[in-house]
N, C-alpha and C. Protein backbone atom coordinates (compact mmCIF):
# COMPACT_ATOMS: atom_id res chain seq x y z
N MET A 1 0.59 -1.15 -0.22
CA MET A 1 -0.23 0.05 -0.04
C MET A 1 0.53 1.37 0.33
N GLY A 2 2.21 1.35 0.30
CA GLY A 2 2.85 2.16 0.53
C GLY A 2 3.31 2.87 -0.62
N TRP A 3 3.51 2.36 -2.19
CA TRP A 3 3.78 2.83 -3.21
C TRP A 3 2.24 3.35 -3.98
N TRP A 4 1.12 2.87 -3.60
CA TRP A 4 -0.10 3.38 -3.91
C TRP A 4 -0.45 4.43 -3.16
N TRP A 5 -0.04 5.00 -2.02
CA TRP A 5 -0.34 5.64 -1.03
C TRP A 5 1.06 7.34 -1.91
N SER A 6 1.94 6.79 -1.97
CA SER A 6 2.68 7.68 -3.07
C SER A 6 2.51 7.91 -4.56
N VAL A 7 1.93 7.20 -5.25
CA VAL A 7 1.32 7.67 -6.48
C VAL A 7 -0.21 8.63 -6.13
N LEU A 8 -0.79 8.67 -5.45
CA LEU A 8 -1.91 9.14 -5.22
C LEU A 8 -1.22 10.57 -4.45
N ARG A 9 -0.25 10.57 -3.77
CA ARG A 9 0.11 11.84 -3.26
C ARG A 9 0.42 12.79 -4.21
N SER A 10 1.68 12.09 -5.16
CA SER A 10 2.07 12.97 -6.08
C SER A 10 0.56 13.27 -7.38
N VAL A 11 -0.18 12.78 -7.43
CA VAL A 11 -1.39 13.06 -8.58
C VAL A 11 -2.12 14.41 -8.02
N TRP A 12 -2.45 13.87 -6.55
CA TRP A 12 -3.17 15.28 -5.77
C TRP A 12 -1.96 16.60 -5.60
N SER A 13 -1.10 16.43 -5.71
CA SER A 13 -0.05 17.41 -5.47
C SER A 13 0.32 18.04 -6.73
N VAL A 14 -0.20 17.55 -7.81
CA VAL A 14 -0.53 18.23 -9.55
C VAL A 14 -1.39 18.85 -9.58
N LEU A 15 -2.59 18.08 -9.25
CA LEU A 15 -3.67 19.04 -9.03
C LEU A 15 -4.03 20.12 -8.46
N SER A 16 -3.62 19.90 -7.19
CA SER A 16 -3.81 20.73 -6.47
C SER A 16 -3.19 22.09 -6.64
N LYS A 17 -1.54 22.35 -7.09
CA LYS A 17 -1.01 23.08 -7.15
C LYS A 17 -0.10 23.30 -6.00
N GLU A 18 0.20 22.37 -5.27
CA GLU A 18 0.69 22.53 -3.92
C GLU A 18 2.25 22.26 -4.36
N VAL A 19 3.19 23.04 -4.09
CA VAL A 19 4.76 23.03 -4.23
C VAL A 19 4.88 23.32 -2.97
N ARG A 20 5.77 21.89 -2.51
CA ARG A 20 6.52 21.48 -0.86
C ARG A 20 8.09 22.33 -1.26
N GLU A 21 8.34 22.86 -0.59
CA GLU A 21 9.55 23.29 -0.67
C GLU A 21 10.42 22.44 0.71
N HIS A 22 11.58 22.26 0.68
CA HIS A 22 12.00 21.54 1.81
C HIS A 22 12.96 22.53 2.51
N VAL A 23 12.32 22.39 3.67
CA VAL A 23 13.07 23.63 4.47
C VAL A 23 13.81 22.86 5.09
N GLY A 24 14.12 21.48 5.47
CA GLY A 24 15.39 21.31 6.56
C GLY A 24 15.67 19.50 6.89
N THR A 25 16.14 19.03 7.61
CA THR A 25 16.28 17.70 7.95
C THR A 25 16.70 18.18 9.45
N ASP A 26 16.22 16.89 10.29
CA ASP A 26 16.79 16.83 11.60
C ASP A 26 17.82 16.12 11.80
N HIS A 27 18.40 16.16 13.23
CA HIS A 27 19.69 15.04 13.29
C HIS A 27 18.71 13.28 13.38
N LEU A 28 17.40 13.28 13.37
CA LEU A 28 17.17 12.24 13.63
C LEU A 28 16.23 11.75 12.41
N GLY A 29 16.71 11.97 11.56
CA GLY A 29 15.86 12.02 10.17
C GLY A 29 14.41 12.79 9.55
N ASN A 30 13.90 13.00 10.44
CA ASN A 30 12.67 13.77 9.85
C ASN A 30 12.80 14.69 9.52
N LYS A 31 12.08 15.08 8.16
CA LYS A 31 12.18 15.79 7.11
C LYS A 31 11.15 16.54 7.31
N TYR A 32 11.33 18.60 7.28
CA TYR A 32 10.28 19.22 7.09
C TYR A 32 9.87 19.92 5.76
N TYR A 33 8.66 20.26 5.60
CA TYR A 33 8.52 21.04 4.18
C TYR A 33 7.85 22.25 4.36
N TYR A 34 7.66 23.40 3.66
CA TYR A 34 6.95 24.42 3.66
C TYR A 34 6.02 24.67 2.09
N ILE A 35 4.55 24.74 2.47
CA ILE A 35 4.20 24.96 1.56
C ILE A 35 3.62 26.28 1.71
N PRO A 36 3.94 27.32 0.94
CA PRO A 36 3.07 28.55 0.20
C PRO A 36 1.45 28.47 0.07
N LYS A 37 1.05 29.54 1.03
CA LYS A 37 -0.28 30.07 0.65
C LYS A 37 -0.66 29.82 -1.13
N TYR A 38 -1.98 29.11 -1.68
CA TYR A 38 -1.89 29.25 -3.16
C TYR A 38 -3.55 28.65 -3.41
N LYS A 39 -3.91 29.16 -4.58
CA LYS A 39 -5.50 29.05 -5.02
C LYS A 39 -5.25 28.09 -5.28
N ASN A 40 -6.15 26.93 -4.99
CA ASN A 40 -6.40 25.90 -5.59
C ASN A 40 -6.98 25.92 -6.81
N TRP A 41 -7.65 24.67 -7.62
CA TRP A 41 -8.09 24.45 -8.99
C TRP A 41 -9.68 25.05 -8.82
N ARG A 42 -10.15 25.48 -7.88
CA ARG A 42 -11.47 25.57 -7.77
C ARG A 42 -11.33 27.29 -7.19
N GLY A 43 -10.48 27.73 -7.34
CA GLY A 43 -10.04 29.37 -6.39
C GLY A 43 -10.23 29.43 -5.33
N GLN A 44 -10.16 28.74 -4.19
CA GLN A 44 -9.80 28.15 -3.06
C GLN A 44 -8.83 28.91 -2.69
N THR A 45 -8.84 30.21 -1.26
CA THR A 45 -7.39 30.45 -0.80
C THR A 45 -6.85 29.51 0.13
N ILE A 46 -5.82 28.58 -0.63
CA ILE A 46 -5.47 27.86 1.01
C ILE A 46 -4.04 28.45 1.58
N ARG A 47 -4.45 28.50 2.50
CA ARG A 47 -3.05 29.06 3.73
C ARG A 47 -1.75 27.91 3.64
N GLU A 48 -0.86 28.40 3.96
CA GLU A 48 0.53 28.00 4.32
C GLU A 48 0.53 26.72 4.72
N LYS A 49 1.28 25.42 4.70
CA LYS A 49 1.29 24.61 5.56
C LYS A 49 2.45 24.58 6.03
N ARG A 50 2.87 23.67 7.13
CA ARG A 50 4.33 23.59 7.38
C ARG A 50 4.30 21.84 7.70
N ILE A 51 4.97 20.70 7.63
CA ILE A 51 4.48 19.28 7.19
C ILE A 51 5.58 19.04 7.70
N VAL A 52 5.70 17.51 8.22
CA VAL A 52 6.90 16.96 8.76
C VAL A 52 6.97 15.86 8.40
N GLU A 53 7.83 14.92 7.49
CA GLU A 53 7.77 13.77 7.06
C GLU A 53 8.57 12.88 8.00
N ALA A 54 8.01 12.10 9.12
CA ALA A 54 8.93 11.31 9.77
C ALA A 54 9.78 10.09 9.41
N ALA A 55 10.90 10.61 9.85
CA ALA A 55 11.71 9.27 9.72
C ALA A 55 11.38 8.04 9.65
N ASN A 56 10.55 7.69 11.07
CA ASN A 56 10.05 6.73 11.61
C ASN A 56 8.52 6.33 10.85
N ARG A 57 8.33 6.43 10.17
CA ARG A 57 6.88 6.18 9.22
C ARG A 57 5.59 5.63 10.30
N LYS A 58 5.80 4.68 10.89
CA LYS A 58 4.84 4.01 11.82
C LYS A 58 4.35 4.84 12.76
N GLU A 59 3.15 5.41 13.00
CA GLU A 59 2.33 6.08 14.37
C GLU A 59 2.68 5.55 15.61
N LEU A 60 2.45 3.91 15.18
CA LEU A 60 3.07 3.19 16.81
C LEU A 60 4.07 3.48 17.01
N ASP A 61 5.28 3.87 16.56
CA ASP A 61 6.71 3.76 17.12
C ASP A 61 6.89 5.19 17.42
N TYR A 62 6.03 6.02 16.96
CA TYR A 62 6.11 7.53 17.34
C TYR A 62 5.93 7.86 18.95
N GLU A 63 7.18 8.32 19.44
CA GLU A 63 7.07 8.99 20.92
C GLU A 63 7.15 10.59 21.10
N ALA A 64 6.74 11.13 22.60
CA ALA A 64 6.92 12.33 22.50
C ALA A 64 8.91 12.44 22.51
N GLY A 65 9.29 13.50 21.68
CA GLY A 65 10.56 13.73 21.86
C GLY A 65 11.20 13.41 20.44
N ASP A 66 10.66 12.76 19.96
CA ASP A 66 11.02 12.40 18.30
C ASP A 66 11.04 13.09 17.36
N ILE A 67 10.58 14.62 17.74
CA ILE A 67 10.91 15.59 17.15
C ILE A 67 11.44 17.00 18.25
N PRO A 68 12.50 17.69 17.75
CA PRO A 68 13.20 18.36 18.42
C PRO A 68 12.36 19.36 18.65
N THR A 69 12.56 20.11 20.23
CA THR A 69 11.61 20.85 20.65
C THR A 69 11.59 22.37 19.28
N GLU A 70 12.68 22.55 19.08
CA GLU A 70 12.70 24.10 18.01
C GLU A 70 12.16 23.65 16.42
N TRP A 71 12.26 22.39 15.73
CA TRP A 71 11.24 22.13 15.37
C TRP A 71 10.02 22.23 15.11
N GLU A 72 9.30 21.56 16.49
CA GLU A 72 7.93 21.48 16.62
C GLU A 72 7.37 22.98 16.96
N ALA A 73 8.23 23.99 17.35
CA ALA A 73 7.77 25.12 17.86
C ALA A 73 8.07 25.76 16.21
N TRP A 74 8.54 25.20 15.35
CA TRP A 74 8.49 26.04 13.60
C TRP A 74 7.35 25.41 13.05
N ILE A 75 6.68 24.00 13.08
CA ILE A 75 5.46 23.24 12.75
C ILE A 75 4.30 24.07 13.48
N ARG A 76 4.69 24.32 14.92
CA ARG A 76 3.23 25.06 15.16
C ARG A 76 2.98 26.62 15.56
N ARG A 77 3.98 27.19 14.22
CA ARG A 77 3.80 28.47 13.98
C ARG A 77 4.35 29.59 15.48
N THR A 78 4.82 28.77 16.46
CA THR A 78 5.52 29.78 17.42
C THR A 78 6.20 30.67 17.07
N ARG A 79 7.53 29.94 16.08
CA ARG A 79 8.60 31.03 15.80
C ARG A 79 8.36 31.02 13.78
N LYS A 80 8.51 31.69 13.37
CA LYS A 80 8.74 32.33 12.14
C LYS A 80 9.75 31.80 11.37
N THR A 81 11.38 31.55 11.68
CA THR A 81 11.75 30.83 10.85
C THR A 81 12.16 29.49 11.05
N PRO A 82 12.79 28.72 10.04
CA PRO A 82 13.06 27.06 11.03
C PRO A 82 14.29 27.74 11.33
N PRO A 83 14.81 26.37 12.19
CA PRO A 83 16.08 26.34 13.03
C PRO A 83 17.33 26.06 12.41
N THR A 84 18.25 26.28 12.61
CA THR A 84 19.41 25.47 11.88
C THR A 84 19.97 24.76 13.30
N MET A 85 20.91 23.38 12.26
CA MET A 85 21.64 22.50 13.15
C MET A 85 22.15 23.00 14.40
N GLU A 86 22.84 24.24 14.01
CA GLU A 86 23.65 24.92 14.93
C GLU A 86 23.31 25.30 16.61
N GLU A 87 21.97 26.07 16.15
CA GLU A 87 20.96 26.03 16.87
C GLU A 87 20.52 24.95 18.12
N ILE A 88 20.24 24.21 17.12
CA ILE A 88 19.14 22.75 17.70
C ILE A 88 20.78 22.40 18.77
N LEU A 89 22.04 21.82 18.10
CA LEU A 89 23.10 21.30 18.80
C LEU A 89 23.29 22.31 20.19
N LYS A 90 23.24 23.48 20.25
CA LYS A 90 23.66 24.62 20.94
C LYS A 90 22.48 24.25 22.27
N ASN A 91 21.17 24.35 21.82
CA ASN A 91 20.11 24.00 22.74
C ASN A 91 20.13 22.72 23.69
N GLU A 92 20.57 21.71 22.87
CA GLU A 92 20.85 20.35 23.84
C GLU A 92 21.61 20.02 24.44
N LYS A 93 23.43 20.66 23.95
CA LYS A 93 24.11 21.32 25.15
C LYS A 93 23.82 21.80 26.30
N TYR A 94 22.78 22.99 25.91
CA TYR A 94 23.00 23.42 27.51
C TYR A 94 21.45 22.88 27.98
N ARG A 95 20.78 22.17 27.51
CA ARG A 95 19.59 21.07 28.46
C ARG A 95 20.80 20.51 29.27
N GLU A 96 21.73 19.34 28.39
CA GLU A 96 22.29 18.63 29.23
C GLU A 96 22.79 19.77 30.50
N GLU A 97 23.53 20.33 30.18
CA GLU A 97 24.14 21.48 31.17
C GLU A 97 23.33 21.70 32.98
N ILE A 98 21.96 22.05 32.14
CA ILE A 98 21.03 22.02 33.08
C ILE A 98 20.65 21.18 33.60
N LYS A 99 20.27 19.48 33.03
CA LYS A 99 20.53 18.33 33.75
C LYS A 99 21.38 18.59 35.01
N ILE A 100 22.44 18.33 34.65
CA ILE A 100 23.69 17.75 35.51
C ILE A 100 23.97 18.66 36.49
N LYS A 101 23.52 20.10 36.23
CA LYS A 101 23.12 21.51 37.71
C LYS A 101 22.20 20.63 38.49
N SER A 102 21.05 20.60 37.81
CA SER A 102 20.17 20.20 39.12
C SER A 102 20.39 19.32 39.70
N LYS A 103 21.20 17.77 39.29
CA LYS A 103 21.53 16.89 39.94
C LYS A 103 22.32 17.10 40.74
N ASP A 104 23.34 17.72 40.61
CA ASP A 104 24.34 17.90 41.54
C ASP A 104 23.37 19.28 42.61
N PHE A 105 22.98 20.05 42.52
CA PHE A 105 21.99 20.65 43.18
C PHE A 105 21.01 19.94 44.20
N TYR A 106 20.68 19.26 43.58
CA TYR A 106 19.62 17.97 44.47
C TYR A 106 20.48 17.14 45.94
N GLU A 107 21.87 16.84 44.67
CA GLU A 107 22.45 15.68 46.03
C GLU A 107 22.72 16.75 46.98
N LYS A 108 23.39 18.12 46.78
CA LYS A 108 24.35 18.67 47.44
C LYS A 108 22.97 19.27 48.48
N ASP A 109 21.62 19.51 48.14
CA ASP A 109 20.64 19.35 49.20
C ASP A 109 20.24 18.83 50.00
N LYS A 110 19.97 17.25 49.36
CA LYS A 110 19.81 16.15 50.30
C LYS A 110 21.05 16.08 51.21
N LEU A 111 22.18 16.11 51.05
CA LEU A 111 23.39 16.09 52.33
C LEU A 111 23.35 16.92 53.40
N SER A 112 22.55 18.40 52.86
CA SER A 112 22.47 19.50 53.58
C SER A 112 21.38 18.88 55.01
N LYS A 113 20.42 18.53 54.29
CA LYS A 113 19.22 18.14 54.87
C LYS A 113 19.42 17.00 55.94
N GLU A 114 20.48 16.40 55.36
CA GLU A 114 20.80 15.26 56.53
C GLU A 114 21.49 15.61 57.73
N THR A 115 22.27 16.91 57.33
CA THR A 115 23.28 17.20 58.56
C THR A 115 22.34 18.16 59.18
N SER A 116 21.87 19.01 58.90
CA SER A 116 20.78 19.99 59.65
C SER A 116 19.77 19.18 60.43
N GLU A 117 19.32 18.14 60.12
CA GLU A 117 18.42 17.33 61.04
C GLU A 117 18.76 17.20 61.88
N GLU A 118 20.25 16.45 61.77
CA GLU A 118 21.06 16.53 63.15
C GLU A 118 21.10 17.47 64.03
N LEU A 119 21.34 18.04 63.52
CA LEU A 119 21.71 19.77 64.45
C LEU A 119 20.37 20.38 65.33
N LEU A 120 19.74 20.31 64.39
CA LEU A 120 18.21 20.50 64.96
C LEU A 120 17.40 20.02 65.79
N PRO A 121 16.98 20.96 66.95
CA PRO A 121 15.93 20.33 67.85
C PRO A 121 14.82 19.70 67.56
N ALA A 122 14.17 18.53 68.11
CA ALA A 122 12.75 18.23 67.16
C ALA A 122 11.83 19.42 67.37
N PRO A 123 10.76 19.61 67.06
CA PRO A 123 9.99 20.60 66.97
C PRO A 123 9.05 20.09 67.98
N ALA A 124 8.51 21.45 68.64
CA ALA A 124 7.69 21.08 69.66
C ALA A 124 6.07 20.97 69.29
N ALA A 125 5.51 20.22 69.83
CA ALA A 125 4.46 19.54 69.63
C ALA A 125 2.83 20.85 69.30
N THR A 126 2.66 20.63 68.22
CA THR A 126 1.02 22.28 68.27
C THR A 126 0.00 21.09 68.17
N GLN A 127 -0.94 22.05 69.25
CA GLN A 127 -2.43 21.71 68.29
C GLN A 127 -2.93 22.01 67.62
N ILE A 128 -3.53 21.73 66.67
CA ILE A 128 -4.34 22.77 65.59
C ILE A 128 -5.61 22.18 66.05
N LYS A 129 -7.00 22.92 66.24
CA LYS A 129 -8.03 22.69 66.35
C LYS A 129 -8.75 23.16 65.14
N GLY A 130 -9.39 22.63 64.24
CA GLY A 130 -10.19 23.01 63.06
C GLY A 130 -9.60 23.94 61.67
N HIS A 131 -9.98 24.79 61.30
CA HIS A 131 -9.80 25.26 60.35
C HIS A 131 -10.24 27.00 60.68
N ALA A 132 -9.53 27.70 60.10
CA ALA A 132 -9.76 29.39 60.13
C ALA A 132 -10.87 29.57 59.35
N SER A 133 -11.49 29.27 58.41
CA SER A 133 -12.75 29.00 57.46
C SER A 133 -13.98 28.65 58.26
N ALA A 134 -13.89 27.64 59.31
CA ALA A 134 -14.75 26.90 59.84
C ALA A 134 -15.56 27.80 60.69
N PRO A 135 -16.74 27.97 60.76
CA PRO A 135 -17.56 29.01 61.15
C PRO A 135 -17.27 29.09 62.73
N HIS A 136 -17.11 28.10 63.64
CA HIS A 136 -16.75 27.97 65.38
C HIS A 136 -15.17 27.97 65.52
N PHE A 137 -14.35 28.52 64.50
CA PHE A 137 -12.89 28.89 64.69
C PHE A 137 -12.74 29.69 65.93
N GLY A 138 -11.65 28.95 66.34
CA GLY A 138 -11.42 29.86 68.02
C GLY A 138 -12.30 29.75 69.25
N LYS A 139 -13.58 29.30 68.91
CA LYS A 139 -14.45 29.45 69.73
C LYS A 139 -14.69 27.67 70.11
N GLU A 140 -15.50 27.22 71.29
CA GLU A 140 -15.69 26.04 71.65
C GLU A 140 -16.37 25.44 70.27
N GLU A 141 -15.86 23.93 70.46
CA GLU A 141 -16.37 23.02 69.75
C GLU A 141 -17.72 23.35 69.69
N PRO A 142 -18.62 22.93 68.43
CA PRO A 142 -20.22 22.94 68.49
C PRO A 142 -20.45 21.54 69.37
N SER A 143 -21.58 21.69 69.96
CA SER A 143 -22.33 20.54 71.19
C SER A 143 -23.23 20.42 69.77
N VAL A 144 -23.13 18.66 70.25
CA VAL A 144 -24.24 17.21 69.36
C VAL A 144 -25.30 17.71 69.78
N ALA A 145 -25.81 17.99 70.46
CA ALA A 145 -27.21 18.00 70.99
C ALA A 145 -27.72 19.15 70.32
N PRO A 146 -28.81 19.38 69.73
CA PRO A 146 -29.43 20.15 68.78
C PRO A 146 -29.97 21.58 69.68
N THR A 147 -29.98 22.81 69.43
CA THR A 147 -30.58 24.18 70.07
C THR A 147 -31.64 25.01 69.79
N SER A 148 -31.98 24.30 68.52
CA SER A 148 -33.25 24.30 68.09
C SER A 148 -34.57 24.53 68.88
N THR A 149 -35.57 25.16 68.52
CA THR A 149 -36.70 25.69 69.51
C THR A 149 -37.76 25.03 68.47
N GLY A 150 -37.39 23.55 67.76
CA GLY A 150 -38.51 23.16 67.16
C GLY A 150 -39.52 22.37 67.70
N LYS A 151 -39.11 22.04 69.13
CA LYS A 151 -40.16 21.37 70.04
C LYS A 151 -41.01 22.47 70.50
N THR A 152 -40.88 23.45 70.82
CA THR A 152 -42.08 24.47 70.61
C THR A 152 -42.62 25.54 69.90
N PHE A 153 -42.23 25.18 68.82
CA PHE A 153 -43.05 25.90 68.03
C PHE A 153 -44.61 25.24 67.26
N GLN A 154 -45.25 26.13 67.42
CA GLN A 154 -47.20 25.78 67.25
C GLN A 154 -47.05 26.61 66.12
N PRO A 155 -47.89 25.61 64.61
CA PRO A 155 -47.98 26.62 63.79
C PRO A 155 -49.12 27.50 63.67
N GLY A 156 -49.15 28.70 62.66
CA GLY A 156 -49.84 29.37 63.24
C GLY A 156 -49.58 30.41 64.20
N SER A 157 -48.86 30.64 65.27
CA SER A 157 -48.49 31.43 66.40
C SER A 157 -47.79 32.11 66.16
N TRP A 158 -47.45 32.43 65.08
CA TRP A 158 -47.07 33.99 64.36
C TRP A 158 -47.38 34.45 63.55
N MET A 159 -47.84 36.02 63.70
CA MET A 159 -48.53 36.39 62.52
C MET A 159 -47.73 37.84 61.99
N PRO A 160 -47.73 38.20 60.88
CA PRO A 160 -46.72 39.12 60.65
C PRO A 160 -48.04 40.48 61.02
N GLU A 161 -46.84 41.74 61.78
CA GLU A 161 -47.78 42.96 62.03
C GLU A 161 -48.38 42.99 60.84
N ASP A 162 -49.14 44.32 61.08
CA ASP A 162 -50.02 45.30 60.04
C ASP A 162 -48.71 46.33 59.80
N SER A 163 -49.10 46.46 58.32
CA SER A 163 -48.28 47.56 57.93
C SER A 163 -48.60 49.09 58.44
N LYS A 164 -49.95 49.27 58.89
CA LYS A 164 -50.36 50.55 59.76
C LYS A 164 -49.35 50.52 60.63
N ARG A 165 -49.23 49.50 61.50
CA ARG A 165 -48.67 49.78 62.85
C ARG A 165 -46.99 49.85 62.58
N GLN A 166 -46.69 49.11 61.67
CA GLN A 166 -45.49 49.58 60.94
C GLN A 166 -45.19 51.32 61.01
N ASN A 167 -45.93 51.72 60.32
CA ASN A 167 -45.69 52.91 59.79
C ASN A 167 -45.71 54.33 61.04
N GLN A 168 -46.43 53.85 62.21
CA GLN A 168 -46.36 54.97 63.19
C GLN A 168 -45.86 54.79 64.23
């Protein structure tokens, strides 16, 4: 089916006036293409496209990180110009340096925590009751017994006052 798909793609590109311009290839073998804005045979304006042709053509074998970050930014239009190989290598070297520095930092931090725990006294036990957003914070705990006057309420015993009395 692979050869059939390539024939179909080439026929479609001839009919649609689609011109693929090879922009670059990364160190993993992925090829990147740019298709400028054009009008198709029906007169519709088709916007520009940025396409990656993966070196590993099977979708099941694709994993995150198979496309370098700089090329992915170009594909997603967050950068205007395609990256150069020197830029990709420089950024890769910088990422490796950051990984080494962070590893060293965590090892030093781990050692300093171990020594500081030996020198510090045990923290005093504090008792925390409730939460500041609770309505009874800082007051006595709410009782289990209800404080409602529901037992003494008689239906119809309360009547609203006349509006004439309120105005006086």
